[in-house]
């Protein structure tokens, strides 16, 4: 992955906003609202190369995940990839790319992990 500083987030998500506010030091980051500008296959592939799995990038808390009863299916890595590319809600967020590190999700430990790389 080319060294970069990027945030994939959802502007309407209060949790994303809270985390970005708490981190404060993100002036040199590029921000991509995944609802307005969905992640492209190339970027998703780069994230997968760092994390090792599409499943780790997949949001299993999504309303759509439950509505489609995907939790009752055995999804493959290709299924996870296709679903993320199909609809922004399936991408876990926020995702922070800090050079060669990818920080996923919204737990308190994520904020601590992110601060180590800033």
PDB file of N, CA and C in Angstrom:
ATOM      1  N   UNK A   1       0.846  -1.173   0.000  1.00  0.00           N
ATOM      2  CA  UNK A   1       0.000   0.000   0.000  1.00  0.00           C
ATOM      3  C   UNK A   1       0.890   1.234   0.000  1.00  0.00           C
ATOM      4  N   UNK A   2       0.624   2.168  -0.869  1.00  0.00           N
ATOM      5  CA  UNK A   2       1.382   3.411  -0.931  1.00  0.00           C
ATOM      6  C   UNK A   2       1.176   4.182   0.366  1.00  0.00           C
ATOM      7  N   UNK A   3       2.273   4.697   0.967  1.00  0.00           N
ATOM      8  CA  UNK A   3       2.102   5.465   2.207  1.00  0.00           C
ATOM      9  C   UNK A   3       1.093   6.589   2.000  1.00  0.00           C
ATOM     10  N   UNK A   4       0.125   6.631   2.880  1.00  0.00           N
ATOM     11  CA  UNK A   4      -0.947   7.609   2.770  1.00  0.00           C
ATOM     12  C   UNK A   4      -1.622   7.772   4.120  1.00  0.00           C
ATOM     13  N   UNK A   5      -2.433   8.779   4.228  1.00  0.00           N
ATOM     14  CA  UNK A   5      -3.230   9.000   5.431  1.00  0.00           C
ATOM     15  C   UNK A   5      -4.644   9.303   4.967  1.00  0.00           C
ATOM     16  N   UNK A   6      -5.521   8.351   5.235  1.00  0.00           N
ATOM     17  CA  UNK A   6      -6.879   8.465   4.715  1.00  0.00           C
ATOM     18  C   UNK A   6      -7.870   7.932   5.737  1.00  0.00           C
ATOM     19  N   UNK A   7      -9.063   8.520   5.737  1.00  0.00           N
ATOM     20  CA  UNK A   7     -10.140   8.069   6.609  1.00  0.00           C
ATOM     21  C   UNK A   7     -11.349   7.739   5.744  1.00  0.00           C
ATOM     22  N   UNK A   8     -11.841   6.515   5.891  1.00  0.00           N
ATOM     23  CA  UNK A   8     -13.103   6.118   5.286  1.00  0.00           C
ATOM     24  C   UNK A   8     -14.131   6.200   6.406  1.00  0.00           C
ATOM     25  N   UNK A   9     -15.167   6.993   6.217  1.00  0.00           N
ATOM     26  CA  UNK A   9     -16.132   7.210   7.286  1.00  0.00           C
ATOM     27  C   UNK A   9     -17.510   7.474   6.687  1.00  0.00           C
ATOM     28  N   UNK A  10     -18.490   7.611   7.569  1.00  0.00           N
ATOM     29  CA  UNK A  10     -19.843   7.955   7.161  1.00  0.00           C
ATOM     30  C   UNK A  10     -20.203   9.239   7.888  1.00  0.00           C
ATOM     31  N   UNK A  11     -20.441  10.304   7.149  1.00  0.00           N
ATOM     32  CA  UNK A  11     -20.671  11.615   7.768  1.00  0.00           C
ATOM     33  C   UNK A  11     -21.923  11.654   8.631  1.00  0.00           C
ATOM     34  N   UNK A  12     -22.884  10.800   8.358  1.00  0.00           N
ATOM     35  CA  UNK A  12     -24.111  10.770   9.154  1.00  0.00           C
ATOM     36  C   UNK A  12     -24.010   9.864  10.379  1.00  0.00           C
ATOM     37  N   UNK A  13     -22.864   9.264  10.598  1.00  0.00           N
ATOM     38  CA  UNK A  13     -22.659   8.346  11.723  1.00  0.00           C
ATOM     39  C   UNK A  13     -22.101   9.116  12.919  1.00  0.00           C
ATOM     40  N   UNK A  14     -22.870   9.170  13.995  1.00  0.00           N
ATOM     41  CA  UNK A  14     -22.435   9.884  15.201  1.00  0.00           C
ATOM     42  C   UNK A  14     -21.157   9.293  15.779  1.00  0.00           C
ATOM     43  N   UNK A  15     -21.028   7.982  15.728  1.00  0.00           N
ATOM     44  CA  UNK A  15     -19.830   7.337  16.265  1.00  0.00           C
ATOM     45  C   UNK A  15     -18.596   7.734  15.469  1.00  0.00           C
ATOM     46  N   UNK A  16     -18.704   7.752  14.153  1.00  0.00           N
ATOM     47  CA  UNK A  16     -17.579   8.205  13.317  1.00  0.00           C
ATOM     48  C   UNK A  16     -17.211   9.639  13.677  1.00  0.00           C
ATOM     49  N   UNK A  17     -18.207  10.499  13.798  1.00  0.00           N
ATOM     50  CA  UNK A  17     -17.952  11.902  14.129  1.00  0.00           C
ATOM     51  C   UNK A  17     -17.269  12.030  15.488  1.00  0.00           C
ATOM     52  N   UNK A  18     -17.740  11.247  16.475  1.00  0.00           N
ATOM     53  CA  UNK A  18     -17.146  11.291  17.812  1.00  0.00           C
ATOM     54  C   UNK A  18     -15.672  10.883  17.769  1.00  0.00           C
ATOM     55  N   UNK A  19     -15.381   9.803  17.084  1.00  0.00           N
ATOM     56  CA  UNK A  19     -14.002   9.312  17.008  1.00  0.00           C
ATOM     57  C   UNK A  19     -13.110  10.322  16.299  1.00  0.00           C
ATOM     58  N   UNK A  20     -13.570  10.851  15.195  1.00  0.00           N
ATOM     59  CA  UNK A  20     -12.765  11.833  14.463  1.00  0.00           C
ATOM     60  C   UNK A  20     -12.543  13.085  15.308  1.00  0.00           C
ATOM     61  N   UNK A  21     -13.538  13.471  16.077  1.00  0.00           N
ATOM     62  CA  UNK A  21     -13.397  14.626  16.969  1.00  0.00           C
ATOM     63  C   UNK A  21     -12.378  14.336  18.078  1.00  0.00           C
ATOM     64  N   UNK A  22     -12.434  13.131  18.641  1.00  0.00           N
ATOM     65  CA  UNK A  22     -11.505  12.754  19.715  1.00  0.00           C
ATOM     66  C   UNK A  22     -10.061  12.702  19.225  1.00  0.00           C
ATOM     67  N   UNK A  23      -9.860  12.288  17.996  1.00  0.00           N
ATOM     68  CA  UNK A  23      -8.496  12.160  17.476  1.00  0.00           C
ATOM     69  C   UNK A  23      -7.870  13.510  17.124  1.00  0.00           C
ATOM     70  N   UNK A  24      -8.670  14.460  16.710  1.00  0.00           N
ATOM     71  CA  UNK A  24      -8.267  15.851  16.457  1.00  0.00           C
ATOM     72  C   UNK A  24      -7.101  16.066  15.506  1.00  0.00           C
ATOM     73  N   UNK A  25      -6.096  15.226  15.507  1.00  0.00           N
ATOM     74  CA  UNK A  25      -4.872  15.464  14.738  1.00  0.00           C
ATOM     75  C   UNK A  25      -4.956  14.895  13.324  1.00  0.00           C
ATOM     76  N   UNK A  26      -6.011  15.151  12.646  1.00  0.00           N
ATOM     77  CA  UNK A  26      -6.206  14.517  11.345  1.00  0.00           C
ATOM     78  C   UNK A  26      -6.165  15.519  10.191  1.00  0.00           C
ATOM     79  N   UNK A  27      -5.491  16.648  10.384  1.00  0.00           N
ATOM     80  CA  UNK A  27      -5.453  17.677   9.338  1.00  0.00           C
ATOM     81  C   UNK A  27      -4.840  17.177   8.038  1.00  0.00           C
ATOM     82  N   UNK A  28      -3.859  16.308   8.132  1.00  0.00           N
ATOM     83  CA  UNK A  28      -3.160  15.852   6.928  1.00  0.00           C
ATOM     84  C   UNK A  28      -3.782  14.589   6.315  1.00  0.00           C
ATOM     85  N   UNK A  29      -5.001  14.260   6.719  1.00  0.00           N
ATOM     86  CA  UNK A  29      -5.693  13.090   6.200  1.00  0.00           C
ATOM     87  C   UNK A  29      -6.638  13.484   5.072  1.00  0.00           C
ATOM     88  N   UNK A  30      -6.834  12.553   4.148  1.00  0.00           N
ATOM     89  CA  UNK A  30      -7.872  12.677   3.133  1.00  0.00           C
ATOM     90  C   UNK A  30      -9.098  11.965   3.689  1.00  0.00           C
ATOM     91  N   UNK A  31     -10.253  12.604   3.580  1.00  0.00           N
ATOM     92  CA  UNK A  31     -11.485  12.022   4.098  1.00  0.00           C
ATOM     93  C   UNK A  31     -12.371  11.577   2.947  1.00  0.00           C
ATOM     94  N   UNK A  32     -12.913  10.364   3.089  1.00  0.00           N
ATOM     95  CA  UNK A  32     -13.825   9.839   2.076  1.00  0.00           C
ATOM     96  C   UNK A  32     -15.105   9.380   2.760  1.00  0.00           C
ATOM     97  N   UNK A  33     -16.179  10.118   2.527  1.00  0.00           N
ATOM     98  CA  UNK A  33     -17.497   9.736   3.025  1.00  0.00           C
ATOM     99  C   UNK A  33     -17.996   8.612   2.114  1.00  0.00           C
ATOM    100  N   UNK A  34     -18.078   7.407   2.655  1.00  0.00           N
ATOM    101  CA  UNK A  34     -18.360   6.235   1.821  1.00  0.00           C
ATOM    102  C   UNK A  34     -19.784   6.204   1.268  1.00  0.00           C
ATOM    103  N   UNK A  35     -20.660   7.025   1.821  1.00  0.00           N
ATOM    104  CA  UNK A  35     -22.008   7.115   1.251  1.00  0.00           C
ATOM    105  C   UNK A  35     -21.988   7.985  -0.005  1.00  0.00           C
ATOM    106  N   UNK A  36     -21.240   9.072   0.053  1.00  0.00           N
ATOM    107  CA  UNK A  36     -21.143   9.993  -1.080  1.00  0.00           C
ATOM    108  C   UNK A  36     -20.193   9.480  -2.162  1.00  0.00           C
ATOM    109  N   UNK A  37     -19.137   8.825  -1.725  1.00  0.00           N
ATOM    110  CA  UNK A  37     -18.127   8.292  -2.649  1.00  0.00           C
ATOM    111  C   UNK A  37     -17.759   6.877  -2.200  1.00  0.00           C
ATOM    112  N   UNK A  38     -18.522   5.880  -2.654  1.00  0.00           N
ATOM    113  CA  UNK A  38     -18.270   4.501  -2.222  1.00  0.00           C
ATOM    114  C   UNK A  38     -16.826   4.074  -2.496  1.00  0.00           C
ATOM    115  N   UNK A  39     -16.360   3.168  -1.676  1.00  0.00           N
ATOM    116  CA  UNK A  39     -14.997   2.664  -1.844  1.00  0.00           C
ATOM    117  C   UNK A  39     -14.897   1.936  -3.185  1.00  0.00           C
ATOM    118  N   UNK A  40     -13.798   2.133  -3.870  1.00  0.00           N
ATOM    119  CA  UNK A  40     -13.594   1.454  -5.154  1.00  0.00           C
ATOM    120  C   UNK A  40     -12.905   0.108  -4.902  1.00  0.00           C
ATOM    121  N   UNK A  41     -12.953  -0.730  -5.898  1.00  0.00           N
ATOM    122  CA  UNK A  41     -12.384  -2.074  -5.770  1.00  0.00           C
ATOM    123  C   UNK A  41     -10.880  -2.029  -5.487  1.00  0.00           C
ATOM    124  N   UNK A  42     -10.172  -1.105  -6.112  1.00  0.00           N
ATOM    125  CA  UNK A  42      -8.723  -0.991  -5.905  1.00  0.00           C
ATOM    126  C   UNK A  42      -8.402  -0.647  -4.452  1.00  0.00           C
ATOM    127  N   UNK A  43      -9.107   0.341  -3.897  1.00  0.00           N
ATOM    128  CA  UNK A  43      -8.874   0.721  -2.498  1.00  0.00           C
ATOM    129  C   UNK A  43      -9.244  -0.411  -1.553  1.00  0.00           C
ATOM    130  N   UNK A  44     -10.349  -1.081  -1.838  1.00  0.00           N
ATOM    131  CA  UNK A  44     -10.772  -2.201  -1.001  1.00  0.00           C
ATOM    132  C   UNK A  44      -9.731  -3.312  -1.031  1.00  0.00           C
ATOM    133  N   UNK A  45      -9.203  -3.590  -2.199  1.00  0.00           N
ATOM    134  CA  UNK A  45      -8.159  -4.618  -2.345  1.00  0.00           C
ATOM    135  C   UNK A  45      -6.915  -4.238  -1.544  1.00  0.00           C
ATOM    136  N   UNK A  46      -6.537  -2.965  -1.572  1.00  0.00           N
ATOM    137  CA  UNK A  46      -5.375  -2.512  -0.797  1.00  0.00           C
ATOM    138  C   UNK A  46      -5.615  -2.687   0.698  1.00  0.00           C
ATOM    139  N   UNK A  47      -6.810  -2.356   1.154  1.00  0.00           N
ATOM    140  CA  UNK A  47      -7.135  -2.547   2.572  1.00  0.00           C
ATOM    141  C   UNK A  47      -7.083  -4.026   2.940  1.00  0.00           C
ATOM    142  N   UNK A  48      -7.607  -4.862   2.068  1.00  0.00           N
ATOM    143  CA  UNK A  48      -7.600  -6.311   2.314  1.00  0.00           C
ATOM    144  C   UNK A  48      -6.175  -6.852   2.366  1.00  0.00           C
ATOM    145  N   UNK A  49      -5.295  -6.320   1.533  1.00  0.00           N
ATOM    146  CA  UNK A  49      -3.903  -6.771   1.535  1.00  0.00           C
ATOM    147  C   UNK A  49      -3.224  -6.478   2.869  1.00  0.00           C
ATOM    148  N   UNK A  50      -3.634  -5.405   3.527  1.00  0.00           N
ATOM    149  CA  UNK A  50      -3.053  -5.065   4.833  1.00  0.00           C
ATOM    150  C   UNK A  50      -3.724  -5.861   5.949  1.00  0.00           C
ATOM    151  N   UNK A  51      -5.062  -5.965   5.917  1.00  0.00           N
ATOM    152  CA  UNK A  51      -5.783  -6.643   7.002  1.00  0.00           C
ATOM    153  C   UNK A  51      -5.792  -8.156   6.853  1.00  0.00           C
ATOM    154  N   UNK A  52      -5.638  -8.639   5.616  1.00  0.00           N
ATOM    155  CA  UNK A  52      -5.605 -10.079   5.385  1.00  0.00           C
ATOM    156  C   UNK A  52      -6.932 -10.694   4.972  1.00  0.00           C
ATOM    157  N   UNK A  53      -8.050 -10.015   5.267  1.00  0.00           N
ATOM    158  CA  UNK A  53      -9.362 -10.586   4.957  1.00  0.00           C
ATOM    159  C   UNK A  53     -10.377  -9.487   4.677  1.00  0.00           C
ATOM    160  N   UNK A  54     -11.261  -9.756   3.739  1.00  0.00           N
ATOM    161  CA  UNK A  54     -12.391  -8.854   3.515  1.00  0.00           C
ATOM    162  C   UNK A  54     -13.340  -8.897   4.709  1.00  0.00           C
ATOM    163  N   UNK A  55     -13.436 -10.055   5.329  1.00  0.00           N
ATOM    164  CA  UNK A  55     -14.347 -10.195   6.469  1.00  0.00           C
ATOM    165  C   UNK A  55     -14.023  -9.190   7.573  1.00  0.00           C
ATOM    166  N   UNK A  56     -12.756  -8.884   7.769  1.00  0.00           N
ATOM    167  CA  UNK A  56     -12.372  -7.913   8.798  1.00  0.00           C
ATOM    168  C   UNK A  56     -12.828  -6.499   8.450  1.00  0.00           C
ATOM    169  N   UNK A  57     -13.075  -6.238   7.187  1.00  0.00           N
ATOM    170  CA  UNK A  57     -13.526  -4.922   6.722  1.00  0.00           C
ATOM    171  C   UNK A  57     -15.051  -4.834   6.660  1.00  0.00           C
ATOM    172  N   UNK A  58     -15.708  -5.928   6.974  1.00  0.00           N
ATOM    173  CA  UNK A  58     -17.156  -6.042   6.806  1.00  0.00           C
ATOM    174  C   UNK A  58     -17.887  -5.681   8.097  1.00  0.00           C
ATOM    175  N   UNK A  59     -18.942  -4.887   7.961  1.00  0.00           N
ATOM    176  CA  UNK A  59     -19.731  -4.431   9.097  1.00  0.00           C
ATOM    177  C   UNK A  59     -20.901  -5.389   9.352  1.00  0.00           C
ATOM    178  N   UNK A  60     -20.732  -6.267  10.321  1.00  0.00           N
ATOM    179  CA  UNK A  60     -21.785  -7.234  10.645  1.00  0.00           C
ATOM    180  C   UNK A  60     -22.870  -6.631  11.536  1.00  0.00           C
ATOM    181  N   UNK A  61     -22.725  -5.362  11.903  1.00  0.00           N
ATOM    182  CA  UNK A  61     -23.760  -4.688  12.684  1.00  0.00           C
ATOM    183  C   UNK A  61     -24.733  -3.923  11.786  1.00  0.00           C
ATOM    184  N   UNK A  62     -24.488  -3.951  10.514  1.00  0.00           N
ATOM    185  CA  UNK A  62     -25.312  -3.222   9.553  1.00  0.00           C
ATOM    186  C   UNK A  62     -26.764  -3.706   9.585  1.00  0.00           C
ATOM    187  N   UNK A  63     -27.675  -2.761   9.499  1.00  0.00           N
ATOM    188  CA  UNK A  63     -29.104  -3.079   9.447  1.00  0.00           C
ATOM    189  C   UNK A  63     -29.399  -3.965   8.235  1.00  0.00           C
ATOM    190  N   UNK A  64     -28.773  -3.661   7.128  1.00  0.00           N
ATOM    191  CA  UNK A  64     -28.974  -4.424   5.899  1.00  0.00           C
ATOM    192  C   UNK A  64     -28.486  -5.875   6.048  1.00  0.00           C
ATOM    193  N   UNK A  65     -27.433  -6.064   6.822  1.00  0.00           N
ATOM    194  CA  UNK A  65     -26.903  -7.406   7.086  1.00  0.00           C
ATOM    195  C   UNK A  65     -27.981  -8.262   7.745  1.00  0.00           C
ATOM    196  N   UNK A  66     -28.682  -7.683   8.691  1.00  0.00           N
ATOM    197  CA  UNK A  66     -29.742  -8.407   9.400  1.00  0.00           C
ATOM    198  C   UNK A  66     -30.982  -8.556   8.528  1.00  0.00           C
ATOM    199  N   UNK A  67     -31.343  -7.489   7.822  1.00  0.00           N
ATOM    200  CA  UNK A  67     -32.534  -7.545   6.965  1.00  0.00           C
ATOM    201  C   UNK A  67     -32.423  -8.626   5.900  1.00  0.00           C
ATOM    202  N   UNK A  68     -31.257  -8.786   5.349  1.00  0.00           N
ATOM    203  CA  UNK A  68     -31.040  -9.809   4.311  1.00  0.00           C
ATOM    204  C   UNK A  68     -30.740 -11.182   4.908  1.00  0.00           C
ATOM    205  N   UNK A  69     -30.720 -11.257   6.225  1.00  0.00           N
ATOM    206  CA  UNK A  69     -30.437 -12.492   6.959  1.00  0.00           C
ATOM    207  C   UNK A  69     -29.099 -13.103   6.556  1.00  0.00           C
ATOM    208  N   UNK A  70     -28.152 -12.233   6.303  1.00  0.00           N
ATOM    209  CA  UNK A  70     -26.820 -12.698   5.914  1.00  0.00           C
ATOM    210  C   UNK A  70     -26.113 -13.393   7.075  1.00  0.00           C
ATOM    211  N   UNK A  71     -26.531 -13.059   8.297  1.00  0.00           N
ATOM    212  CA  UNK A  71     -25.942 -13.704   9.470  1.00  0.00           C
ATOM    213  C   UNK A  71     -26.271 -15.195   9.523  1.00  0.00           C
ATOM    214  N   UNK A  72     -27.242 -15.627   8.744  1.00  0.00           N
ATOM    215  CA  UNK A  72     -27.621 -17.041   8.708  1.00  0.00           C
ATOM    216  C   UNK A  72     -26.941 -17.796   7.568  1.00  0.00           C
ATOM    217  N   UNK A  73     -26.116 -17.090   6.811  1.00  0.00           N
ATOM    218  CA  UNK A  73     -25.449 -17.702   5.658  1.00  0.00           C
ATOM    219  C   UNK A  73     -23.956 -17.839   5.925  1.00  0.00           C
ATOM    220  N   UNK A  74     -23.347 -18.800   5.255  1.00  0.00           N
ATOM    221  CA  UNK A  74     -21.893 -18.954   5.308  1.00  0.00           C
ATOM    222  C   UNK A  74     -21.301 -18.137   4.167  1.00  0.00           C
ATOM    223  N   UNK A  75     -20.851 -16.941   4.489  1.00  0.00           N
ATOM    224  CA  UNK A  75     -20.317 -16.052   3.467  1.00  0.00           C
ATOM    225  C   UNK A  75     -18.846 -16.355   3.199  1.00  0.00           C
ATOM    226  N   UNK A  76     -18.465 -16.273   1.944  1.00  0.00           N
ATOM    227  CA  UNK A  76     -17.069 -16.466   1.550  1.00  0.00           C
ATOM    228  C   UNK A  76     -16.377 -15.106   1.508  1.00  0.00           C
ATOM    229  N   UNK A  77     -15.085 -15.110   1.344  1.00  0.00           N
ATOM    230  CA  UNK A  77     -14.334 -13.861   1.201  1.00  0.00           C
ATOM    231  C   UNK A  77     -14.838 -13.067  -0.004  1.00  0.00           C
ATOM    232  N   UNK A  78     -15.144 -13.761  -1.099  1.00  0.00           N
ATOM    233  CA  UNK A  78     -15.684 -13.071  -2.280  1.00  0.00           C
ATOM    234  C   UNK A  78     -17.052 -12.469  -1.997  1.00  0.00           C
ATOM    235  N   UNK A  79     -17.865 -13.154  -1.183  1.00  0.00           N
ATOM    236  CA  UNK A  79     -19.164 -12.598  -0.794  1.00  0.00           C
ATOM    237  C   UNK A  79     -18.965 -11.294  -0.030  1.00  0.00           C
ATOM    238  N   UNK A  80     -18.052 -11.302   0.933  1.00  0.00           N
ATOM    239  CA  UNK A  80     -17.781 -10.089   1.714  1.00  0.00           C
ATOM    240  C   UNK A  80     -17.330  -8.950   0.799  1.00  0.00           C
ATOM    241  N   UNK A  81     -16.432  -9.260  -0.107  1.00  0.00           N
ATOM    242  CA  UNK A  81     -15.937  -8.245  -1.038  1.00  0.00           C
ATOM    243  C   UNK A  81     -17.079  -7.678  -1.880  1.00  0.00           C
ATOM    244  N   UNK A  82     -17.861  -8.555  -2.477  1.00  0.00           N
ATOM    245  CA  UNK A  82     -18.956  -8.119  -3.345  1.00  0.00           C
ATOM    246  C   UNK A  82     -19.987  -7.287  -2.586  1.00  0.00           C
ATOM    247  N   UNK A  83     -20.304  -7.696  -1.368  1.00  0.00           N
ATOM    248  CA  UNK A  83     -21.282  -6.956  -0.569  1.00  0.00           C
ATOM    249  C   UNK A  83     -20.766  -5.564  -0.205  1.00  0.00           C
ATOM    250  N   UNK A  84     -19.499  -5.466   0.166  1.00  0.00           N
ATOM    251  CA  UNK A  84     -18.913  -4.158   0.494  1.00  0.00           C
ATOM    252  C   UNK A  84     -18.966  -3.243  -0.719  1.00  0.00           C
ATOM    253  N   UNK A  85     -18.647  -3.781  -1.879  1.00  0.00           N
ATOM    254  CA  UNK A  85     -18.678  -2.973  -3.102  1.00  0.00           C
ATOM    255  C   UNK A  85     -20.110  -2.632  -3.527  1.00  0.00           C
ATOM    256  N   UNK A  86     -21.051  -3.476  -3.147  1.00  0.00           N
ATOM    257  CA  UNK A  86     -22.457  -3.263  -3.509  1.00  0.00           C
ATOM    258  C   UNK A  86     -23.094  -2.120  -2.720  1.00  0.00           C
ATOM    259  N   UNK A  87     -22.800  -2.045  -1.410  1.00  0.00           N
ATOM    260  CA  UNK A  87     -23.483  -1.045  -0.581  1.00  0.00           C
ATOM    261  C   UNK A  87     -22.560  -0.560   0.533  1.00  0.00           C
ATOM    262  N   UNK A  88     -22.480   0.755   0.670  1.00  0.00           N
ATOM    263  CA  UNK A  88     -21.560   1.377   1.633  1.00  0.00           C
ATOM    264  C   UNK A  88     -21.777   0.912   3.068  1.00  0.00           C
ATOM    265  N   UNK A  89     -22.988   0.534   3.412  1.00  0.00           N
ATOM    266  CA  UNK A  89     -23.278   0.170   4.798  1.00  0.00           C
ATOM    267  C   UNK A  89     -22.532  -1.093   5.244  1.00  0.00           C
ATOM    268  N   UNK A  90     -22.064  -1.882   4.289  1.00  0.00           N
ATOM    269  CA  UNK A  90     -21.347  -3.104   4.634  1.00  0.00           C
ATOM    270  C   UNK A  90     -19.871  -2.864   4.964  1.00  0.00           C
ATOM    271  N   UNK A  91     -19.373  -1.670   4.739  1.00  0.00           N
ATOM    272  CA  UNK A  91     -17.976  -1.365   5.068  1.00  0.00           C
ATOM    273  C   UNK A  91     -17.886  -0.926   6.522  1.00  0.00           C
ATOM    274  N   UNK A  92     -17.060  -1.614   7.284  1.00  0.00           N
ATOM    275  CA  UNK A  92     -16.839  -1.235   8.680  1.00  0.00           C
ATOM    276  C   UNK A  92     -16.290   0.181   8.708  1.00  0.00           C
ATOM    277  N   UNK A  93     -16.663   0.937   9.738  1.00  0.00           N
ATOM    278  CA  UNK A  93     -16.202   2.317   9.799  1.00  0.00           C
ATOM    279  C   UNK A  93     -16.095   2.795  11.231  1.00  0.00           C
ATOM    280  N   UNK A  94     -15.288   3.796  11.422  1.00  0.00           N
ATOM    281  CA  UNK A  94     -14.375   4.358  10.442  1.00  0.00           C
ATOM    282  C   UNK A  94     -13.198   3.428  10.186  1.00  0.00           C
ATOM    283  N   UNK A  95     -12.559   3.636   9.057  1.00  0.00           N
ATOM    284  CA  UNK A  95     -11.305   2.958   8.739  1.00  0.00           C
ATOM    285  C   UNK A  95     -10.278   4.056   8.554  1.00  0.00           C
ATOM    286  N   UNK A  96      -9.200   3.959   9.307  1.00  0.00           N
ATOM    287  CA  UNK A  96      -8.114   4.930   9.182  1.00  0.00           C
ATOM    288  C   UNK A  96      -6.904   4.241   8.590  1.00  0.00           C
ATOM    289  N   UNK A  97      -6.404   4.794   7.511  1.00  0.00           N
ATOM    290  CA  UNK A  97      -5.179   4.299   6.883  1.00  0.00           C
ATOM    291  C   UNK A  97      -4.087   5.279   7.277  1.00  0.00           C
ATOM    292  N   UNK A  98      -3.105   4.759   8.001  1.00  0.00           N
ATOM    293  CA  UNK A  98      -1.998   5.594   8.472  1.00  0.00           C
ATOM    294  C   UNK A  98      -0.721   4.941   7.973  1.00  0.00           C
ATOM    295  N   UNK A  99      -0.250   5.439   6.840  1.00  0.00           N
ATOM    296  CA  UNK A  99       0.914   4.874   6.164  1.00  0.00           C
ATOM    297  C   UNK A  99       0.665   3.400   5.875  1.00  0.00           C
ATOM    298  N   UNK A 100       1.382   2.476   6.517  1.00  0.00           N
ATOM    299  CA  UNK A 100       1.175   1.059   6.214  1.00  0.00           C
ATOM    300  C   UNK A 100       0.329   0.357   7.274  1.00  0.00           C
ATOM    301  N   UNK A 101      -0.402   1.126   8.082  1.00  0.00           N
ATOM    302  CA  UNK A 101      -1.289   0.563   9.104  1.00  0.00           C
ATOM    303  C   UNK A 101      -2.737   0.860   8.735  1.00  0.00           C
ATOM    304  N   UNK A 102      -3.620  -0.081   9.066  1.00  0.00           N
ATOM    305  CA  UNK A 102      -5.051   0.121   8.890  1.00  0.00           C
ATOM    306  C   UNK A 102      -5.697  -0.108  10.244  1.00  0.00           C
ATOM    307  N   UNK A 103      -6.465   0.890  10.696  1.00  0.00           N
ATOM    308  CA  UNK A 103      -7.154   0.805  11.977  1.00  0.00           C
ATOM    309  C   UNK A 103      -8.649   0.768  11.684  1.00  0.00           C
ATOM    310  N   UNK A 104      -9.316  -0.281  12.194  1.00  0.00           N
ATOM    311  CA  UNK A 104     -10.718  -0.539  11.865  1.00  0.00           C
ATOM    312  C   UNK A 104     -11.638  -0.378  13.057  1.00  0.00           C
ATOM    313  N   UNK A 105     -12.806   0.177  12.821  1.00  0.00           N
ATOM    314  CA  UNK A 105     -13.866   0.118  13.801  1.00  0.00           C
ATOM    315  C   UNK A 105     -13.928   1.269  14.771  1.00  0.00           C
ATOM    316  N   UNK A 106     -14.764   1.082  15.808  1.00  0.00           N
ATOM    317  CA  UNK A 106     -15.081   2.200  16.667  1.00  0.00           C
ATOM    318  C   UNK A 106     -14.932   1.930  18.159  1.00  0.00           C
ATOM    319  N   UNK A 107     -14.259   0.884  18.534  1.00  0.00           N
ATOM    320  CA  UNK A 107     -14.058   0.600  19.952  1.00  0.00           C
ATOM    321  C   UNK A 107     -13.036   1.570  20.545  1.00  0.00           C
ATOM    322  N   UNK A 108     -13.082   1.747  21.858  1.00  0.00           N
ATOM    323  CA  UNK A 108     -12.149   2.638  22.548  1.00  0.00           C
ATOM    324  C   UNK A 108     -10.712   2.243  22.262  1.00  0.00           C
ATOM    325  N   UNK A 109     -10.445   0.936  22.192  1.00  0.00           N
ATOM    326  CA  UNK A 109      -9.077   0.483  21.919  1.00  0.00           C
ATOM    327  C   UNK A 109      -8.606   0.937  20.540  1.00  0.00           C
ATOM    328  N   UNK A 110      -9.554   1.152  19.628  1.00  0.00           N
ATOM    329  CA  UNK A 110      -9.209   1.623  18.285  1.00  0.00           C
ATOM    330  C   UNK A 110      -8.617   3.026  18.358  1.00  0.00           C
ATOM    331  N   UNK A 111      -9.211   3.865  19.180  1.00  0.00           N
ATOM    332  CA  UNK A 111      -8.704   5.230  19.331  1.00  0.00           C
ATOM    333  C   UNK A 111      -7.288   5.196  19.895  1.00  0.00           C
ATOM    334  N   UNK A 112      -7.059   4.360  20.885  1.00  0.00           N
ATOM    335  CA  UNK A 112      -5.713   4.229  21.468  1.00  0.00           C
ATOM    336  C   UNK A 112      -4.721   3.719  20.429  1.00  0.00           C
ATOM    337  N   UNK A 113      -5.126   2.726  19.654  1.00  0.00           N
ATOM    338  CA  UNK A 113      -4.265   2.161  18.607  1.00  0.00           C
ATOM    339  C   UNK A 113      -3.929   3.228  17.568  1.00  0.00           C
ATOM    340  N   UNK A 114      -4.917   4.006  17.207  1.00  0.00           N
ATOM    341  CA  UNK A 114      -4.716   5.055  16.211  1.00  0.00           C
ATOM    342  C   UNK A 114      -3.716   6.085  16.704  1.00  0.00           C
ATOM    343  N   UNK A 115      -3.841   6.492  17.938  1.00  0.00           N
ATOM    344  CA  UNK A 115      -2.934   7.508  18.497  1.00  0.00           C
ATOM    345  C   UNK A 115      -1.479   7.056  18.444  1.00  0.00           C
ATOM    346  N   UNK A 116      -1.235   5.752  18.552  1.00  0.00           N
ATOM    347  CA  UNK A 116       0.141   5.238  18.491  1.00  0.00           C
ATOM    348  C   UNK A 116       0.788   5.506  17.139  1.00  0.00           C
ATOM    349  N   UNK A 117      -0.025   5.585  16.101  1.00  0.00           N
ATOM    350  CA  UNK A 117       0.502   5.723  14.743  1.00  0.00           C
ATOM    351  C   UNK A 117       0.458   7.150  14.209  1.00  0.00           C
ATOM    352  N   UNK A 118      -0.095   8.063  14.982  1.00  0.00           N
ATOM    353  CA  UNK A 118      -0.187   9.456  14.521  1.00  0.00           C
ATOM    354  C   UNK A 118       1.097  10.211  14.763  1.00  0.00           C
TER     355      UNK A 118
END
